[in-house]
Amino acid sequence: MDFRAEFIVLACLIGFTCAVPVKYADCGSSSGKVVMVDINPCPHQPCQLRKGQSYSVNVTFSSAVESQTSAAVVHGVVAGIPVPFPIPVEDGCKSGIQCPIQKQQSYHYLNSLPVKSEYPSIKLVVEWELRDDQKQDLFCVKFPVQIVS
């Protein structure tokens, strides 16, 4: 195989393993500004989340405030009703963010979204908030998902 063919194959393989930015709605990021949201693996939207697997959620945002702490709150919104969605690490300072959070700095929040086997197969909207020490949203994003078997 010549060099160009190897490069094309390698580029394609890298493309399959990288997270793709997902379409999201800002739901009230009062203390920050969202730059990008990606979920891995999620090759197309709505993201299909398989029961028994875990997905990485990465939110790039900039902070408009200083904060000593940050805490994640996640809900699955079903028929307009928010249902708490447990995540392994609620402390944002243990999820890729070095605290204290500084004003006008960019951060990469990274956490895991485990999909339990007992969850129903359903379409829903995930609402993911990261709150500062004043309980204001550093970011709040909503994105559609579908839980599948």
N, C-alpha and C. Protein backbone atom coordinates (compact mmCIF):
# COMPACT_ATOMS: atom_id res chain seq x y z
N MET A 1 0.85 -1.17 0.00
CA MET A 1 0.00 0.00 0.00
C MET A 1 0.89 1.24 0.00
N ASP A 2 0.58 2.20 -0.83
CA ASP A 2 1.42 3.39 -0.86
C ASP A 2 1.08 4.34 0.30
N PHE A 3 1.90 5.34 0.49
CA PHE A 3 1.80 6.25 1.63
C PHE A 3 0.45 6.97 1.67
N ARG A 4 -0.05 7.43 0.53
CA ARG A 4 -1.33 8.16 0.50
C ARG A 4 -2.48 7.26 0.93
N ALA A 5 -2.50 6.04 0.49
CA ALA A 5 -3.56 5.12 0.87
C ALA A 5 -3.52 4.84 2.38
N GLU A 6 -2.31 4.65 2.92
CA GLU A 6 -2.17 4.43 4.36
C GLU A 6 -2.67 5.64 5.13
N PHE A 7 -2.36 6.84 4.65
CA PHE A 7 -2.80 8.06 5.32
C PHE A 7 -4.33 8.15 5.32
N ILE A 8 -4.97 7.83 4.21
CA ILE A 8 -6.44 7.88 4.12
C ILE A 8 -7.07 6.88 5.07
N VAL A 9 -6.55 5.67 5.12
CA VAL A 9 -7.07 4.65 6.04
C VAL A 9 -6.91 5.12 7.48
N LEU A 10 -5.76 5.66 7.82
CA LEU A 10 -5.52 6.15 9.17
C LEU A 10 -6.47 7.29 9.52
N ALA A 11 -6.67 8.22 8.60
CA ALA A 11 -7.57 9.35 8.84
C ALA A 11 -9.00 8.86 9.07
N CYS A 12 -9.43 7.86 8.32
CA CYS A 12 -10.77 7.31 8.50
C CYS A 12 -10.92 6.65 9.86
N LEU A 13 -9.93 5.88 10.27
CA LEU A 13 -9.97 5.23 11.58
C LEU A 13 -10.01 6.25 12.70
N ILE A 14 -9.23 7.30 12.59
CA ILE A 14 -9.25 8.35 13.61
C ILE A 14 -10.62 9.00 13.66
N GLY A 15 -11.23 9.22 12.54
CA GLY A 15 -12.56 9.82 12.48
C GLY A 15 -13.61 9.00 13.19
N PHE A 16 -13.50 7.67 13.13
CA PHE A 16 -14.46 6.82 13.80
C PHE A 16 -14.30 6.81 15.30
N THR A 17 -13.12 7.10 15.81
CA THR A 17 -12.89 7.02 17.25
C THR A 17 -13.05 8.36 17.95
N CYS A 18 -13.15 9.44 17.23
CA CYS A 18 -13.26 10.76 17.83
C CYS A 18 -14.72 11.10 18.11
N ALA A 19 -14.92 11.88 19.17
CA ALA A 19 -16.26 12.35 19.47
C ALA A 19 -16.64 13.43 18.47
N VAL A 20 -17.91 13.48 18.15
CA VAL A 20 -18.43 14.47 17.22
C VAL A 20 -19.25 15.46 18.04
N PRO A 21 -19.05 16.77 17.84
CA PRO A 21 -19.86 17.74 18.58
C PRO A 21 -21.34 17.49 18.33
N VAL A 22 -22.14 17.56 19.37
CA VAL A 22 -23.57 17.32 19.25
C VAL A 22 -24.32 18.65 19.28
N LYS A 23 -25.49 18.65 18.68
CA LYS A 23 -26.35 19.81 18.73
C LYS A 23 -26.97 19.85 20.12
N TYR A 24 -26.97 21.02 20.72
CA TYR A 24 -27.49 21.17 22.07
C TYR A 24 -28.25 22.48 22.15
N ALA A 25 -29.06 22.61 23.18
CA ALA A 25 -29.73 23.87 23.48
C ALA A 25 -29.20 24.35 24.82
N ASP A 26 -28.86 25.63 24.89
CA ASP A 26 -28.46 26.21 26.16
C ASP A 26 -29.73 26.44 26.97
N CYS A 27 -29.73 25.97 28.20
CA CYS A 27 -30.93 26.06 29.03
C CYS A 27 -30.73 26.98 30.23
N GLY A 28 -29.84 27.96 30.09
CA GLY A 28 -29.70 28.94 31.16
C GLY A 28 -28.32 29.04 31.75
N SER A 29 -27.31 29.08 30.91
CA SER A 29 -25.92 29.22 31.39
C SER A 29 -25.70 30.66 31.84
N SER A 30 -26.07 30.95 33.09
CA SER A 30 -26.02 32.33 33.58
C SER A 30 -24.63 32.77 34.03
N SER A 31 -23.77 31.82 34.43
CA SER A 31 -22.43 32.16 34.93
C SER A 31 -21.32 31.77 33.97
N GLY A 32 -21.67 31.34 32.77
CA GLY A 32 -20.67 30.92 31.80
C GLY A 32 -21.26 30.86 30.41
N LYS A 33 -20.41 30.46 29.45
CA LYS A 33 -20.84 30.35 28.05
C LYS A 33 -20.32 29.03 27.49
N VAL A 34 -21.22 28.24 26.94
CA VAL A 34 -20.87 26.95 26.36
C VAL A 34 -20.25 27.17 24.99
N VAL A 35 -19.14 26.49 24.74
CA VAL A 35 -18.45 26.56 23.46
C VAL A 35 -18.79 25.33 22.62
N MET A 36 -18.77 24.14 23.26
CA MET A 36 -18.98 22.90 22.52
C MET A 36 -19.39 21.79 23.48
N VAL A 37 -20.20 20.87 22.97
CA VAL A 37 -20.60 19.67 23.71
C VAL A 37 -20.32 18.48 22.81
N ASP A 38 -19.64 17.46 23.35
CA ASP A 38 -19.51 16.23 22.58
C ASP A 38 -19.72 15.03 23.48
N ILE A 39 -20.24 13.98 22.86
CA ILE A 39 -20.53 12.73 23.56
C ILE A 39 -19.83 11.63 22.77
N ASN A 40 -19.18 10.74 23.49
CA ASN A 40 -18.43 9.68 22.83
C ASN A 40 -18.81 8.33 23.43
N PRO A 41 -19.22 7.35 22.63
CA PRO A 41 -19.44 7.44 21.20
C PRO A 41 -20.85 7.94 20.89
N CYS A 42 -20.94 8.77 19.89
CA CYS A 42 -22.23 9.25 19.38
C CYS A 42 -22.03 9.66 17.94
N PRO A 43 -22.09 8.70 17.01
CA PRO A 43 -21.82 9.01 15.61
C PRO A 43 -22.91 9.84 14.93
N HIS A 44 -24.14 9.83 15.46
CA HIS A 44 -25.21 10.64 14.90
C HIS A 44 -26.23 10.97 15.98
N GLN A 45 -27.09 11.94 15.67
CA GLN A 45 -28.08 12.36 16.65
C GLN A 45 -29.49 11.97 16.22
N PRO A 46 -30.38 11.70 17.17
CA PRO A 46 -30.09 11.72 18.60
C PRO A 46 -29.14 10.58 18.97
N CYS A 47 -28.29 10.83 19.96
CA CYS A 47 -27.35 9.80 20.41
C CYS A 47 -28.12 8.58 20.87
N GLN A 48 -27.70 7.42 20.38
CA GLN A 48 -28.31 6.18 20.84
C GLN A 48 -27.45 5.62 21.96
N LEU A 49 -28.01 5.59 23.16
CA LEU A 49 -27.30 5.12 24.34
C LEU A 49 -27.73 3.69 24.64
N ARG A 50 -26.79 2.78 24.56
CA ARG A 50 -27.09 1.36 24.80
C ARG A 50 -27.09 1.06 26.29
N LYS A 51 -28.10 0.31 26.69
CA LYS A 51 -28.21 -0.10 28.09
C LYS A 51 -26.97 -0.89 28.48
N GLY A 52 -26.47 -0.63 29.69
CA GLY A 52 -25.30 -1.34 30.20
C GLY A 52 -23.98 -0.73 29.77
N GLN A 53 -24.00 0.36 29.00
CA GLN A 53 -22.76 1.00 28.57
C GLN A 53 -22.65 2.38 29.19
N SER A 54 -21.46 2.94 29.09
CA SER A 54 -21.19 4.26 29.62
C SER A 54 -20.66 5.16 28.51
N TYR A 55 -21.01 6.42 28.57
CA TYR A 55 -20.64 7.38 27.53
C TYR A 55 -19.92 8.56 28.17
N SER A 56 -18.95 9.10 27.47
CA SER A 56 -18.25 10.28 28.00
C SER A 56 -18.93 11.54 27.47
N VAL A 57 -19.10 12.48 28.37
CA VAL A 57 -19.71 13.77 28.03
C VAL A 57 -18.66 14.84 28.30
N ASN A 58 -18.35 15.62 27.28
CA ASN A 58 -17.33 16.68 27.39
C ASN A 58 -17.99 18.00 27.01
N VAL A 59 -17.94 18.95 27.95
CA VAL A 59 -18.49 20.27 27.70
C VAL A 59 -17.36 21.28 27.83
N THR A 60 -17.11 22.01 26.75
CA THR A 60 -16.12 23.08 26.79
C THR A 60 -16.89 24.37 27.03
N PHE A 61 -16.46 25.11 28.06
CA PHE A 61 -17.17 26.35 28.41
C PHE A 61 -16.18 27.36 28.96
N SER A 62 -16.62 28.61 28.98
CA SER A 62 -15.83 29.65 29.63
C SER A 62 -16.65 30.18 30.80
N SER A 63 -15.96 30.52 31.88
CA SER A 63 -16.63 31.00 33.08
C SER A 63 -16.66 32.52 33.11
N ALA A 64 -17.79 33.07 33.52
CA ALA A 64 -17.93 34.51 33.68
C ALA A 64 -17.74 34.92 35.14
N VAL A 65 -17.53 33.93 36.01
CA VAL A 65 -17.40 34.20 37.45
C VAL A 65 -16.25 33.39 38.04
N GLU A 66 -15.86 33.74 39.25
CA GLU A 66 -14.94 32.92 40.03
C GLU A 66 -15.77 32.04 40.94
N SER A 67 -15.30 30.83 41.16
CA SER A 67 -16.02 29.90 42.01
C SER A 67 -15.04 28.93 42.64
N GLN A 68 -15.21 28.67 43.92
CA GLN A 68 -14.36 27.72 44.62
C GLN A 68 -14.75 26.27 44.32
N THR A 69 -16.02 26.07 43.99
CA THR A 69 -16.55 24.72 43.79
C THR A 69 -17.39 24.68 42.51
N SER A 70 -17.76 23.46 42.12
CA SER A 70 -18.74 23.25 41.06
C SER A 70 -19.38 21.90 41.28
N ALA A 71 -20.67 21.82 40.97
CA ALA A 71 -21.42 20.57 41.18
C ALA A 71 -22.33 20.32 39.99
N ALA A 72 -22.32 19.09 39.52
CA ALA A 72 -23.15 18.71 38.37
C ALA A 72 -24.51 18.21 38.85
N VAL A 73 -25.53 18.59 38.10
CA VAL A 73 -26.89 18.10 38.31
C VAL A 73 -27.41 17.66 36.95
N VAL A 74 -27.84 16.40 36.86
CA VAL A 74 -28.28 15.85 35.58
C VAL A 74 -29.70 15.31 35.72
N HIS A 75 -30.52 15.63 34.71
CA HIS A 75 -31.89 15.12 34.67
C HIS A 75 -32.17 14.54 33.29
N GLY A 76 -33.03 13.55 33.27
CA GLY A 76 -33.63 13.09 32.03
C GLY A 76 -35.01 13.70 31.98
N VAL A 77 -35.32 14.42 30.93
CA VAL A 77 -36.62 15.08 30.82
C VAL A 77 -37.51 14.20 29.94
N VAL A 78 -38.55 13.65 30.57
CA VAL A 78 -39.48 12.74 29.90
C VAL A 78 -40.87 13.37 29.96
N ALA A 79 -41.45 13.62 28.82
CA ALA A 79 -42.78 14.24 28.74
C ALA A 79 -42.83 15.54 29.55
N GLY A 80 -41.73 16.30 29.49
CA GLY A 80 -41.66 17.58 30.19
C GLY A 80 -41.36 17.50 31.67
N ILE A 81 -41.19 16.30 32.19
CA ILE A 81 -40.93 16.11 33.63
C ILE A 81 -39.47 15.73 33.84
N PRO A 82 -38.71 16.55 34.61
CA PRO A 82 -37.30 16.22 34.88
C PRO A 82 -37.18 15.10 35.93
N VAL A 83 -36.44 14.06 35.57
CA VAL A 83 -36.21 12.92 36.46
C VAL A 83 -34.71 12.88 36.75
N PRO A 84 -34.31 12.86 38.04
CA PRO A 84 -32.87 12.83 38.36
C PRO A 84 -32.16 11.67 37.67
N PHE A 85 -31.00 11.96 37.11
CA PHE A 85 -30.20 10.99 36.37
C PHE A 85 -28.85 10.91 37.09
N PRO A 86 -28.62 9.86 37.87
CA PRO A 86 -27.37 9.79 38.65
C PRO A 86 -26.13 9.64 37.77
N ILE A 87 -25.08 10.36 38.16
CA ILE A 87 -23.78 10.24 37.49
C ILE A 87 -22.75 9.86 38.55
N PRO A 88 -21.64 9.24 38.14
CA PRO A 88 -20.66 8.75 39.12
C PRO A 88 -19.96 9.85 39.92
N VAL A 89 -19.69 10.99 39.29
CA VAL A 89 -18.95 12.06 39.97
C VAL A 89 -19.72 13.37 39.80
N GLU A 90 -20.31 13.85 40.89
CA GLU A 90 -21.06 15.11 40.82
C GLU A 90 -20.15 16.32 40.99
N ASP A 91 -19.00 16.13 41.62
CA ASP A 91 -18.07 17.22 41.88
C ASP A 91 -17.34 17.61 40.59
N GLY A 92 -17.66 18.79 40.06
CA GLY A 92 -17.03 19.24 38.83
C GLY A 92 -15.53 19.42 38.96
N CYS A 93 -15.07 19.69 40.18
CA CYS A 93 -13.63 19.88 40.41
C CYS A 93 -12.87 18.56 40.31
N LYS A 94 -13.60 17.44 40.20
CA LYS A 94 -12.99 16.13 40.00
C LYS A 94 -13.34 15.59 38.62
N SER A 95 -13.79 16.48 37.75
CA SER A 95 -14.22 16.08 36.41
C SER A 95 -13.53 16.91 35.34
N GLY A 96 -12.20 17.04 35.48
CA GLY A 96 -11.41 17.73 34.48
C GLY A 96 -11.23 19.21 34.71
N ILE A 97 -11.89 19.76 35.72
CA ILE A 97 -11.79 21.19 36.00
C ILE A 97 -10.88 21.40 37.20
N GLN A 98 -9.92 22.29 37.05
CA GLN A 98 -9.05 22.62 38.17
C GLN A 98 -9.69 23.78 38.93
N CYS A 99 -10.07 23.52 40.18
CA CYS A 99 -10.68 24.56 41.01
C CYS A 99 -9.61 25.22 41.87
N PRO A 100 -9.77 26.47 42.24
CA PRO A 100 -10.95 27.30 42.01
C PRO A 100 -11.07 27.71 40.55
N ILE A 101 -12.31 27.90 40.13
CA ILE A 101 -12.60 28.34 38.77
C ILE A 101 -12.33 29.83 38.68
N GLN A 102 -11.64 30.21 37.61
CA GLN A 102 -11.27 31.61 37.41
C GLN A 102 -12.18 32.26 36.37
N LYS A 103 -12.43 33.54 36.55
CA LYS A 103 -13.22 34.32 35.61
C LYS A 103 -12.47 34.44 34.28
N GLN A 104 -13.23 34.37 33.18
CA GLN A 104 -12.70 34.52 31.82
C GLN A 104 -11.73 33.41 31.41
N GLN A 105 -11.82 32.26 32.04
CA GLN A 105 -10.99 31.11 31.67
C GLN A 105 -11.86 30.07 30.96
N SER A 106 -11.23 29.29 30.10
CA SER A 106 -11.91 28.22 29.38
C SER A 106 -11.64 26.90 30.10
N TYR A 107 -12.66 26.04 30.16
CA TYR A 107 -12.56 24.76 30.87
C TYR A 107 -13.14 23.64 30.02
N HIS A 108 -12.61 22.43 30.25
CA HIS A 108 -13.11 21.22 29.61
C HIS A 108 -13.63 20.30 30.70
N TYR A 109 -14.93 20.29 30.85
CA TYR A 109 -15.59 19.42 31.82
C TYR A 109 -15.77 18.06 31.17
N LEU A 110 -15.39 17.00 31.87
CA LEU A 110 -15.49 15.64 31.34
C LEU A 110 -16.07 14.73 32.40
N ASN A 111 -17.14 14.05 32.06
CA ASN A 111 -17.76 13.13 32.99
C ASN A 111 -18.32 11.95 32.23
N SER A 112 -18.82 11.00 32.99
CA SER A 112 -19.33 9.76 32.43
C SER A 112 -20.85 9.72 32.59
N LEU A 113 -21.52 9.19 31.58
CA LEU A 113 -22.97 9.02 31.62
C LEU A 113 -23.26 7.52 31.50
N PRO A 114 -23.42 6.85 32.67
CA PRO A 114 -23.72 5.42 32.62
C PRO A 114 -25.19 5.17 32.32
N VAL A 115 -25.47 4.21 31.46
CA VAL A 115 -26.84 3.86 31.10
C VAL A 115 -27.12 2.49 31.71
N LYS A 116 -27.92 2.48 32.75
CA LYS A 116 -28.20 1.23 33.47
C LYS A 116 -29.09 0.31 32.65
N SER A 117 -28.89 -0.99 32.84
CA SER A 117 -29.66 -2.00 32.10
C SER A 117 -31.14 -1.92 32.39
N GLU A 118 -31.50 -1.46 33.58
CA GLU A 118 -32.92 -1.42 33.95
C GLU A 118 -33.65 -0.18 33.43
N TYR A 119 -32.94 0.74 32.78
CA TYR A 119 -33.61 1.91 32.19
C TYR A 119 -34.53 1.45 31.06
N PRO A 120 -35.67 2.11 30.90
CA PRO A 120 -36.56 1.75 29.78
C PRO A 120 -35.99 2.23 28.45
N SER A 121 -36.39 1.57 27.39
CA SER A 121 -36.03 2.04 26.04
C SER A 121 -36.96 3.20 25.72
N ILE A 122 -36.36 4.40 25.58
CA ILE A 122 -37.19 5.60 25.47
C ILE A 122 -36.39 6.74 24.85
N LYS A 123 -37.09 7.65 24.21
CA LYS A 123 -36.47 8.90 23.75
C LYS A 123 -36.68 9.93 24.85
N LEU A 124 -35.64 10.72 25.12
CA LEU A 124 -35.73 11.75 26.14
C LEU A 124 -34.72 12.83 25.87
N VAL A 125 -34.75 13.86 26.68
CA VAL A 125 -33.79 14.95 26.60
C VAL A 125 -32.97 14.94 27.89
N VAL A 126 -31.65 14.95 27.75
CA VAL A 126 -30.78 15.05 28.91
C VAL A 126 -30.53 16.53 29.18
N GLU A 127 -30.72 16.93 30.43
CA GLU A 127 -30.42 18.30 30.86
C GLU A 127 -29.26 18.21 31.84
N TRP A 128 -28.13 18.82 31.48
CA TRP A 128 -26.89 18.71 32.26
C TRP A 128 -26.47 20.11 32.71
N GLU A 129 -26.42 20.30 34.02
CA GLU A 129 -26.03 21.58 34.59
C GLU A 129 -24.74 21.42 35.39
N LEU A 130 -23.92 22.45 35.37
CA LEU A 130 -22.78 22.53 36.26
C LEU A 130 -22.93 23.85 37.01
N ARG A 131 -23.11 23.75 38.34
CA ARG A 131 -23.41 24.92 39.15
C ARG A 131 -22.18 25.41 39.90
N ASP A 132 -22.08 26.73 40.03
CA ASP A 132 -20.98 27.34 40.78
C ASP A 132 -21.32 27.34 42.27
N ASP A 133 -20.47 27.95 43.08
CA ASP A 133 -20.70 27.93 44.53
C ASP A 133 -21.85 28.83 44.98
N GLN A 134 -22.43 29.60 44.05
CA GLN A 134 -23.64 30.39 44.33
C GLN A 134 -24.89 29.69 43.78
N LYS A 135 -24.73 28.44 43.35
CA LYS A 135 -25.81 27.62 42.77
C LYS A 135 -26.34 28.19 41.44
N GLN A 136 -25.52 28.98 40.76
CA GLN A 136 -25.84 29.49 39.43
C GLN A 136 -25.19 28.58 38.39
N ASP A 137 -25.79 28.49 37.21
CA ASP A 137 -25.30 27.58 36.19
C ASP A 137 -24.07 28.13 35.46
N LEU A 138 -22.92 27.46 35.66
CA LEU A 138 -21.75 27.72 34.82
C LEU A 138 -22.10 27.31 33.40
N PHE A 139 -22.82 26.19 33.29
CA PHE A 139 -23.44 25.82 32.02
C PHE A 139 -24.68 25.00 32.29
N CYS A 140 -25.58 25.07 31.34
CA CYS A 140 -26.77 24.23 31.34
C CYS A 140 -27.04 23.90 29.88
N VAL A 141 -26.98 22.63 29.55
CA VAL A 141 -27.22 22.19 28.17
C VAL A 141 -28.27 21.09 28.14
N LYS A 142 -29.01 21.06 27.05
CA LYS A 142 -29.98 20.00 26.80
C LYS A 142 -29.65 19.38 25.45
N PHE A 143 -29.70 18.04 25.41
CA PHE A 143 -29.48 17.35 24.14
C PHE A 143 -30.34 16.08 24.10
N PRO A 144 -30.85 15.74 22.91
CA PRO A 144 -31.72 14.57 22.79
C PRO A 144 -30.92 13.28 22.76
N VAL A 145 -31.50 12.24 23.38
CA VAL A 145 -30.89 10.90 23.34
C VAL A 145 -32.02 9.87 23.17
N GLN A 146 -31.60 8.68 22.83
CA GLN A 146 -32.53 7.56 22.77
C GLN A 146 -31.85 6.38 23.46
N ILE A 147 -32.50 5.85 24.50
CA ILE A 147 -31.97 4.67 25.19
C ILE A 147 -32.47 3.43 24.45
N VAL A 148 -31.50 2.58 24.07
CA VAL A 148 -31.83 1.38 23.29
C VAL A 148 -31.22 0.15 23.94
N SER A 149 -31.80 -1.01 23.59
CA SER A 149 -31.32 -2.29 24.15
C SER A 149 -30.05 -2.72 23.45
